[in-house]
Amino acid sequence: MPKQLEKIELSVTGIPNPDGTWDVKTSADLTVNLSEYPEWTVRKGIPIILTAAQKLTIEKFVSTVVLPQAEERK
């Protein structure tokens, strides 16, 4: 019974530091099913390990896109 990925949900959490920078943590929830039993599903959480460049890219996205919109709507 081969397992199949049905869905991947990504989570990015930003935690502010006193110096104005943000710590970014990422994780993913996988929804897996069996090809013979599509009604059977299981969710599994996994941490996502980022390279320094990937982390920097996400931090820049948070500071230039997400934070301005969050400030506008708070």
PDB file of N, CA and C in Angstrom:
ATOM      1  N   MET A   1       0.843  -1.188   0.000  1.00  0.00           N
ATOM      2  CA  MET A   1       0.000   0.000   0.000  1.00  0.00           C
ATOM      3  C   MET A   1       0.884   1.245   0.000  1.00  0.00           C
ATOM      4  N   PRO A   2       1.088   1.841  -1.151  1.00  0.00           N
ATOM      5  CA  PRO A   2       1.920   3.047  -1.181  1.00  0.00           C
ATOM      6  C   PRO A   2       1.206   4.247  -0.561  1.00  0.00           C
ATOM      7  N   LYS A   3       1.987   5.016   0.183  1.00  0.00           N
ATOM      8  CA  LYS A   3       1.469   6.250   0.763  1.00  0.00           C
ATOM      9  C   LYS A   3       1.576   7.360  -0.275  1.00  0.00           C
ATOM     10  N   GLN A   4       0.588   8.254  -0.259  1.00  0.00           N
ATOM     11  CA  GLN A   4       0.585   9.392  -1.165  1.00  0.00           C
ATOM     12  C   GLN A   4       0.402  10.670  -0.368  1.00  0.00           C
ATOM     13  N   LEU A   5       1.118  11.714  -0.783  1.00  0.00           N
ATOM     14  CA  LEU A   5       0.903  13.025  -0.180  1.00  0.00           C
ATOM     15  C   LEU A   5      -0.380  13.607  -0.739  1.00  0.00           C
ATOM     16  N   GLU A   6      -1.301  13.922   0.142  1.00  0.00           N
ATOM     17  CA  GLU A   6      -2.571  14.514  -0.272  1.00  0.00           C
ATOM     18  C   GLU A   6      -2.511  16.035  -0.211  1.00  0.00           C
ATOM     19  N   LYS A   7      -1.806  16.540   0.826  1.00  0.00           N
ATOM     20  CA  LYS A   7      -1.769  17.988   1.024  1.00  0.00           C
ATOM     21  C   LYS A   7      -0.575  18.336   1.910  1.00  0.00           C
ATOM     22  N   ILE A   8       0.001  19.513   1.673  1.00  0.00           N
ATOM     23  CA  ILE A   8       1.062  20.056   2.524  1.00  0.00           C
ATOM     24  C   ILE A   8       0.635  21.456   2.950  1.00  0.00           C
ATOM     25  N   GLU A   9       0.595  21.688   4.255  1.00  0.00           N
ATOM     26  CA  GLU A   9       0.278  23.015   4.791  1.00  0.00           C
ATOM     27  C   GLU A   9       1.542  23.569   5.435  1.00  0.00           C
ATOM     28  N   LEU A  10       1.955  24.743   4.980  1.00  0.00           N
ATOM     29  CA  LEU A  10       3.158  25.378   5.502  1.00  0.00           C
ATOM     30  C   LEU A  10       2.800  26.422   6.547  1.00  0.00           C
ATOM     31  N   SER A  11       3.657  26.541   7.540  1.00  0.00           N
ATOM     32  CA  SER A  11       3.463  27.535   8.583  1.00  0.00           C
ATOM     33  C   SER A  11       4.754  28.321   8.759  1.00  0.00           C
ATOM     34  N   VAL A  12       4.633  29.645   8.756  1.00  0.00           N
ATOM     35  CA  VAL A  12       5.765  30.526   9.025  1.00  0.00           C
ATOM     36  C   VAL A  12       5.381  31.367  10.233  1.00  0.00           C
ATOM     37  N   THR A  13       6.179  31.271  11.290  1.00  0.00           N
ATOM     38  CA  THR A  13       5.917  32.017  12.510  1.00  0.00           C
ATOM     39  C   THR A  13       7.030  33.041  12.708  1.00  0.00           C
ATOM     40  N   GLY A  14       6.647  34.288  12.911  1.00  0.00           N
ATOM     41  CA  GLY A  14       7.608  35.347  13.171  1.00  0.00           C
ATOM     42  C   GLY A  14       7.527  35.789  14.619  1.00  0.00           C
ATOM     43  N   ILE A  15       8.675  35.852  15.277  1.00  0.00           N
ATOM     44  CA  ILE A  15       8.744  36.264  16.676  1.00  0.00           C
ATOM     45  C   ILE A  15       9.649  37.493  16.747  1.00  0.00           C
ATOM     46  N   PRO A  16       9.120  38.647  17.220  1.00  0.00           N
ATOM     47  CA  PRO A  16       9.933  39.865  17.232  1.00  0.00           C
ATOM     48  C   PRO A  16      11.015  39.827  18.312  1.00  0.00           C
ATOM     49  N   ASN A  17      12.151  40.387  17.971  1.00  0.00           N
ATOM     50  CA  ASN A  17      13.253  40.565  18.924  1.00  0.00           C
ATOM     51  C   ASN A  17      13.264  42.013  19.395  1.00  0.00           C
ATOM     52  N   PRO A  18      13.844  42.289  20.567  1.00  0.00           N
ATOM     53  CA  PRO A  18      13.903  43.662  21.068  1.00  0.00           C
ATOM     54  C   PRO A  18      14.634  44.627  20.130  1.00  0.00           C
ATOM     55  N   ASP A  19      15.560  44.119  19.319  1.00  0.00           N
ATOM     56  CA  ASP A  19      16.321  44.997  18.421  1.00  0.00           C
ATOM     57  C   ASP A  19      15.595  45.298  17.111  1.00  0.00           C
ATOM     58  N   GLY A  20      14.351  44.830  16.989  1.00  0.00           N
ATOM     59  CA  GLY A  20      13.572  45.119  15.787  1.00  0.00           C
ATOM     60  C   GLY A  20      13.660  44.052  14.714  1.00  0.00           C
ATOM     61  N   THR A  21      14.534  43.065  14.885  1.00  0.00           N
ATOM     62  CA  THR A  21      14.604  41.968  13.929  1.00  0.00           C
ATOM     63  C   THR A  21      13.566  40.914  14.298  1.00  0.00           C
ATOM     64  N   TRP A  22      13.398  39.955  13.432  1.00  0.00           N
ATOM     65  CA  TRP A  22      12.417  38.899  13.656  1.00  0.00           C
ATOM     66  C   TRP A  22      13.080  37.537  13.525  1.00  0.00           C
ATOM     67  N   ASP A  23      12.752  36.634  14.434  1.00  0.00           N
ATOM     68  CA  ASP A  23      13.130  35.230  14.288  1.00  0.00           C
ATOM     69  C   ASP A  23      12.016  34.554  13.514  1.00  0.00           C
ATOM     70  N   VAL A  24      12.379  33.811  12.501  1.00  0.00           N
ATOM     71  CA  VAL A  24      11.399  33.133  11.663  1.00  0.00           C
ATOM     72  C   VAL A  24      11.543  31.629  11.848  1.00  0.00           C
ATOM     73  N   LYS A  25      10.450  30.969  12.154  1.00  0.00           N
ATOM     74  CA  LYS A  25      10.428  29.518  12.287  1.00  0.00           C
ATOM     75  C   LYS A  25       9.429  28.970  11.267  1.00  0.00           C
ATOM     76  N   THR A  26       9.780  27.861  10.643  1.00  0.00           N
ATOM     77  CA  THR A  26       8.916  27.260   9.630  1.00  0.00           C
ATOM     78  C   THR A  26       8.642  25.799   9.972  1.00  0.00           C
ATOM     79  N   SER A  27       7.471  25.343   9.582  1.00  0.00           N
ATOM     80  CA  SER A  27       7.108  23.936   9.741  1.00  0.00           C
ATOM     81  C   SER A  27       6.095  23.576   8.666  1.00  0.00           C
ATOM     82  N   ALA A  28       5.841  22.292   8.546  1.00  0.00           N
ATOM     83  CA  ALA A  28       4.860  21.830   7.566  1.00  0.00           C
ATOM     84  C   ALA A  28       4.042  20.704   8.179  1.00  0.00           C
ATOM     85  N   ASP A  29       2.761  20.667   7.837  1.00  0.00           N
ATOM     86  CA  ASP A  29       1.885  19.551   8.190  1.00  0.00           C
ATOM     87  C   ASP A  29       1.588  18.799   6.906  1.00  0.00           C
ATOM     88  N   LEU A  30       1.914  17.514   6.904  1.00  0.00           N
ATOM     89  CA  LEU A  30       1.662  16.672   5.747  1.00  0.00           C
ATOM     90  C   LEU A  30       0.396  15.871   5.974  1.00  0.00           C
ATOM     91  N   THR A  31      -0.465  15.798   4.981  1.00  0.00           N
ATOM     92  CA  THR A  31      -1.614  14.901   5.019  1.00  0.00           C
ATOM     93  C   THR A  31      -1.308  13.780   4.042  1.00  0.00           C
ATOM     94  N   VAL A  32      -1.291  12.556   4.572  1.00  0.00           N
ATOM     95  CA  VAL A  32      -0.903  11.386   3.794  1.00  0.00           C
ATOM     96  C   VAL A  32      -2.080  10.422   3.753  1.00  0.00           C
ATOM     97  N   ASN A  33      -2.281   9.775   2.586  1.00  0.00           N
ATOM     98  CA  ASN A  33      -3.289   8.722   2.504  1.00  0.00           C
ATOM     99  C   ASN A  33      -2.692   7.490   1.837  1.00  0.00           C
ATOM    100  N   LEU A  34      -3.437   6.403   1.844  1.00  0.00           N
ATOM    101  CA  LEU A  34      -3.024   5.171   1.185  1.00  0.00           C
ATOM    102  C   LEU A  34      -3.774   5.055  -0.131  1.00  0.00           C
ATOM    103  N   SER A  35      -3.087   4.652  -1.181  1.00  0.00           N
ATOM    104  CA  SER A  35      -3.723   4.598  -2.500  1.00  0.00           C
ATOM    105  C   SER A  35      -4.925   3.654  -2.511  1.00  0.00           C
ATOM    106  N   GLU A  36      -4.854   2.545  -1.772  1.00  0.00           N
ATOM    107  CA  GLU A  36      -5.975   1.590  -1.749  1.00  0.00           C
ATOM    108  C   GLU A  36      -7.117   2.023  -0.832  1.00  0.00           C
ATOM    109  N   TYR A  37      -6.810   2.906   0.114  1.00  0.00           N
ATOM    110  CA  TYR A  37      -7.814   3.356   1.079  1.00  0.00           C
ATOM    111  C   TYR A  37      -7.796   4.883   1.149  1.00  0.00           C
ATOM    112  N   PRO A  38      -8.336   5.567   0.140  1.00  0.00           N
ATOM    113  CA  PRO A  38      -8.257   7.032   0.124  1.00  0.00           C
ATOM    114  C   PRO A  38      -8.987   7.707   1.282  1.00  0.00           C
ATOM    115  N   GLU A  39      -9.900   7.011   1.943  1.00  0.00           N
ATOM    116  CA  GLU A  39     -10.598   7.617   3.080  1.00  0.00           C
ATOM    117  C   GLU A  39      -9.721   7.625   4.334  1.00  0.00           C
ATOM    118  N   TRP A  40      -8.644   6.856   4.351  1.00  0.00           N
ATOM    119  CA  TRP A  40      -7.708   6.829   5.480  1.00  0.00           C
ATOM    120  C   TRP A  40      -6.680   7.922   5.274  1.00  0.00           C
ATOM    121  N   THR A  41      -6.590   8.832   6.220  1.00  0.00           N
ATOM    122  CA  THR A  41      -5.582   9.883   6.142  1.00  0.00           C
ATOM    123  C   THR A  41      -4.933  10.066   7.507  1.00  0.00           C
ATOM    124  N   VAL A  42      -3.732  10.565   7.487  1.00  0.00           N
ATOM    125  CA  VAL A  42      -3.015  10.872   8.715  1.00  0.00           C
ATOM    126  C   VAL A  42      -2.251  12.167   8.481  1.00  0.00           C
ATOM    127  N   ARG A  43      -2.176  12.986   9.528  1.00  0.00           N
ATOM    128  CA  ARG A  43      -1.404  14.237   9.464  1.00  0.00           C
ATOM    129  C   ARG A  43      -0.123  14.057  10.250  1.00  0.00           C
ATOM    130  N   LYS A  44       0.937  14.605   9.701  1.00  0.00           N
ATOM    131  CA  LYS A  44       2.247  14.499  10.348  1.00  0.00           C
ATOM    132  C   LYS A  44       2.931  15.851  10.251  1.00  0.00           C
ATOM    133  N   GLY A  45       3.366  16.380  11.386  1.00  0.00           N
ATOM    134  CA  GLY A  45       4.085  17.651  11.400  1.00  0.00           C
ATOM    135  C   GLY A  45       5.583  17.424  11.280  1.00  0.00           C
ATOM    136  N   ILE A  46       6.234  18.260  10.476  1.00  0.00           N
ATOM    137  CA  ILE A  46       7.686  18.163  10.332  1.00  0.00           C
ATOM    138  C   ILE A  46       8.285  19.565  10.401  1.00  0.00           C
ATOM    139  N   PRO A  47       9.466  19.704  11.012  1.00  0.00           N
ATOM    140  CA  PRO A  47      10.140  21.005  10.987  1.00  0.00           C
ATOM    141  C   PRO A  47      10.776  21.204   9.612  1.00  0.00           C
ATOM    142  N   ILE A  48      10.847  22.433   9.174  1.00  0.00           N
ATOM    143  CA  ILE A  48      11.501  22.760   7.920  1.00  0.00           C
ATOM    144  C   ILE A  48      12.816  23.440   8.258  1.00  0.00           C
ATOM    145  N   ILE A  49      13.909  22.875   7.823  1.00  0.00           N
ATOM    146  CA  ILE A  49      15.235  23.421   8.080  1.00  0.00           C
ATOM    147  C   ILE A  49      15.610  24.308   6.897  1.00  0.00           C
ATOM    148  N   LEU A  50      15.907  25.572   7.186  1.00  0.00           N
ATOM    149  CA  LEU A  50      16.237  26.533   6.135  1.00  0.00           C
ATOM    150  C   LEU A  50      17.730  26.795   6.072  1.00  0.00           C
ATOM    151  N   THR A  51      18.207  27.072   4.868  1.00  0.00           N
ATOM    152  CA  THR A  51      19.574  27.565   4.730  1.00  0.00           C
ATOM    153  C   THR A  51      19.577  29.029   5.160  1.00  0.00           C
ATOM    154  N   ALA A  52      20.751  29.578   5.348  1.00  0.00           N
ATOM    155  CA  ALA A  52      20.853  30.990   5.737  1.00  0.00           C
ATOM    156  C   ALA A  52      20.226  31.888   4.671  1.00  0.00           C
ATOM    157  N   ALA A  53      20.435  31.570   3.405  1.00  0.00           N
ATOM    158  CA  ALA A  53      19.877  32.378   2.316  1.00  0.00           C
ATOM    159  C   ALA A  53      18.356  32.287   2.279  1.00  0.00           C
ATOM    160  N   GLN A  54      17.817  31.106   2.486  1.00  0.00           N
ATOM    161  CA  GLN A  54      16.358  30.938   2.507  1.00  0.00           C
ATOM    162  C   GLN A  54      15.745  31.698   3.675  1.00  0.00           C
ATOM    163  N   LYS A  55      16.376  31.613   4.839  1.00  0.00           N
ATOM    164  CA  LYS A  55      15.881  32.325   6.022  1.00  0.00           C
ATOM    165  C   LYS A  55      15.902  33.831   5.784  1.00  0.00           C
ATOM    166  N   LEU A  56      16.969  34.335   5.197  1.00  0.00           N
ATOM    167  CA  LEU A  56      17.077  35.760   4.897  1.00  0.00           C
ATOM    168  C   LEU A  56      15.986  36.200   3.922  1.00  0.00           C
ATOM    169  N   THR A  57      15.725  35.390   2.918  1.00  0.00           N
ATOM    170  CA  THR A  57      14.675  35.703   1.944  1.00  0.00           C
ATOM    171  C   THR A  57      13.304  35.785   2.626  1.00  0.00           C
ATOM    172  N   ILE A  58      13.006  34.843   3.508  1.00  0.00           N
ATOM    173  CA  ILE A  58      11.725  34.864   4.223  1.00  0.00           C
ATOM    174  C   ILE A  58      11.661  36.058   5.161  1.00  0.00           C
ATOM    175  N   GLU A  59      12.749  36.352   5.870  1.00  0.00           N
ATOM    176  CA  GLU A  59      12.767  37.509   6.770  1.00  0.00           C
ATOM    177  C   GLU A  59      12.537  38.809   6.000  1.00  0.00           C
ATOM    178  N   LYS A  60      13.136  38.938   4.820  1.00  0.00           N
ATOM    179  CA  LYS A  60      12.916  40.132   3.995  1.00  0.00           C
ATOM    180  C   LYS A  60      11.468  40.217   3.541  1.00  0.00           C
ATOM    181  N   PHE A  61      10.884  39.084   3.158  1.00  0.00           N
ATOM    182  CA  PHE A  61       9.478  39.049   2.745  1.00  0.00           C
ATOM    183  C   PHE A  61       8.575  39.480   3.900  1.00  0.00           C
ATOM    184  N   VAL A  62       8.868  38.970   5.097  1.00  0.00           N
ATOM    185  CA  VAL A  62       8.065  39.340   6.271  1.00  0.00           C
ATOM    186  C   VAL A  62       8.180  40.840   6.537  1.00  0.00           C
ATOM    187  N   SER A  63       9.395  41.385   6.464  1.00  0.00           N
ATOM    188  CA  SER A  63       9.573  42.793   6.805  1.00  0.00           C
ATOM    189  C   SER A  63       9.052  43.741   5.724  1.00  0.00           C
ATOM    190  N   THR A  64       9.119  43.353   4.453  1.00  0.00           N
ATOM    191  CA  THR A  64       8.705  44.270   3.387  1.00  0.00           C
ATOM    192  C   THR A  64       7.269  44.074   2.914  1.00  0.00           C
ATOM    193  N   VAL A  65       6.714  42.895   3.119  1.00  0.00           N
ATOM    194  CA  VAL A  65       5.355  42.624   2.623  1.00  0.00           C
ATOM    195  C   VAL A  65       4.372  42.393   3.763  1.00  0.00           C
ATOM    196  N   VAL A  66       4.708  41.467   4.653  1.00  0.00           N
ATOM    197  CA  VAL A  66       3.754  41.063   5.692  1.00  0.00           C
ATOM    198  C   VAL A  66       3.592  42.142   6.759  1.00  0.00           C
ATOM    199  N   LEU A  67       4.694  42.647   7.320  1.00  0.00           N
ATOM    200  CA  LEU A  67       4.586  43.628   8.401  1.00  0.00           C
ATOM    201  C   LEU A  67       3.848  44.901   7.995  1.00  0.00           C
ATOM    202  N   PRO A  68       4.137  45.500   6.831  1.00  0.00           N
ATOM    203  CA  PRO A  68       3.367  46.695   6.458  1.00  0.00           C
ATOM    204  C   PRO A  68       1.859  46.421   6.378  1.00  0.00           C
ATOM    205  N   GLN A  69       1.481  45.270   5.848  1.00  0.00           N
ATOM    206  CA  GLN A  69       0.049  44.959   5.765  1.00  0.00           C
ATOM    207  C   GLN A  69      -0.530  44.682   7.148  1.00  0.00           C
ATOM    208  N   ALA A  70       0.254  44.031   8.013  1.00  0.00           N
ATOM    209  CA  ALA A  70      -0.213  43.759   9.388  1.00  0.00           C
ATOM    210  C   ALA A  70      -0.383  45.062  10.164  1.00  0.00           C
ATOM    211  N   GLU A  71       0.576  45.979  10.020  1.00  0.00           N
ATOM    212  CA  GLU A  71       0.476  47.286  10.694  1.00  0.00           C
ATOM    213  C   GLU A  71      -0.749  48.048  10.224  1.00  0.00           C
ATOM    214  N   GLU A  72      -1.031  47.967   8.952  1.00  0.00           N
ATOM    215  CA  GLU A  72      -2.168  48.672   8.377  1.00  0.00           C
ATOM    216  C   GLU A  72      -3.503  48.146   8.911  1.00  0.00           C
ATOM    217  N   ARG A  73      -3.544  46.867   9.233  1.00  0.00           N
ATOM    218  CA  ARG A  73      -4.810  46.230   9.623  1.00  0.00           C
ATOM    219  C   ARG A  73      -4.944  45.948  11.109  1.00  0.00           C
ATOM    220  N   LYS A  74      -3.968  46.342  11.918  1.00  0.00           N
ATOM    221  CA  LYS A  74      -4.057  45.994  13.350  1.00  0.00           C
ATOM    222  C   LYS A  74      -5.053  46.841  14.096  1.00  0.00           C
TER     223      LYS A  74
END
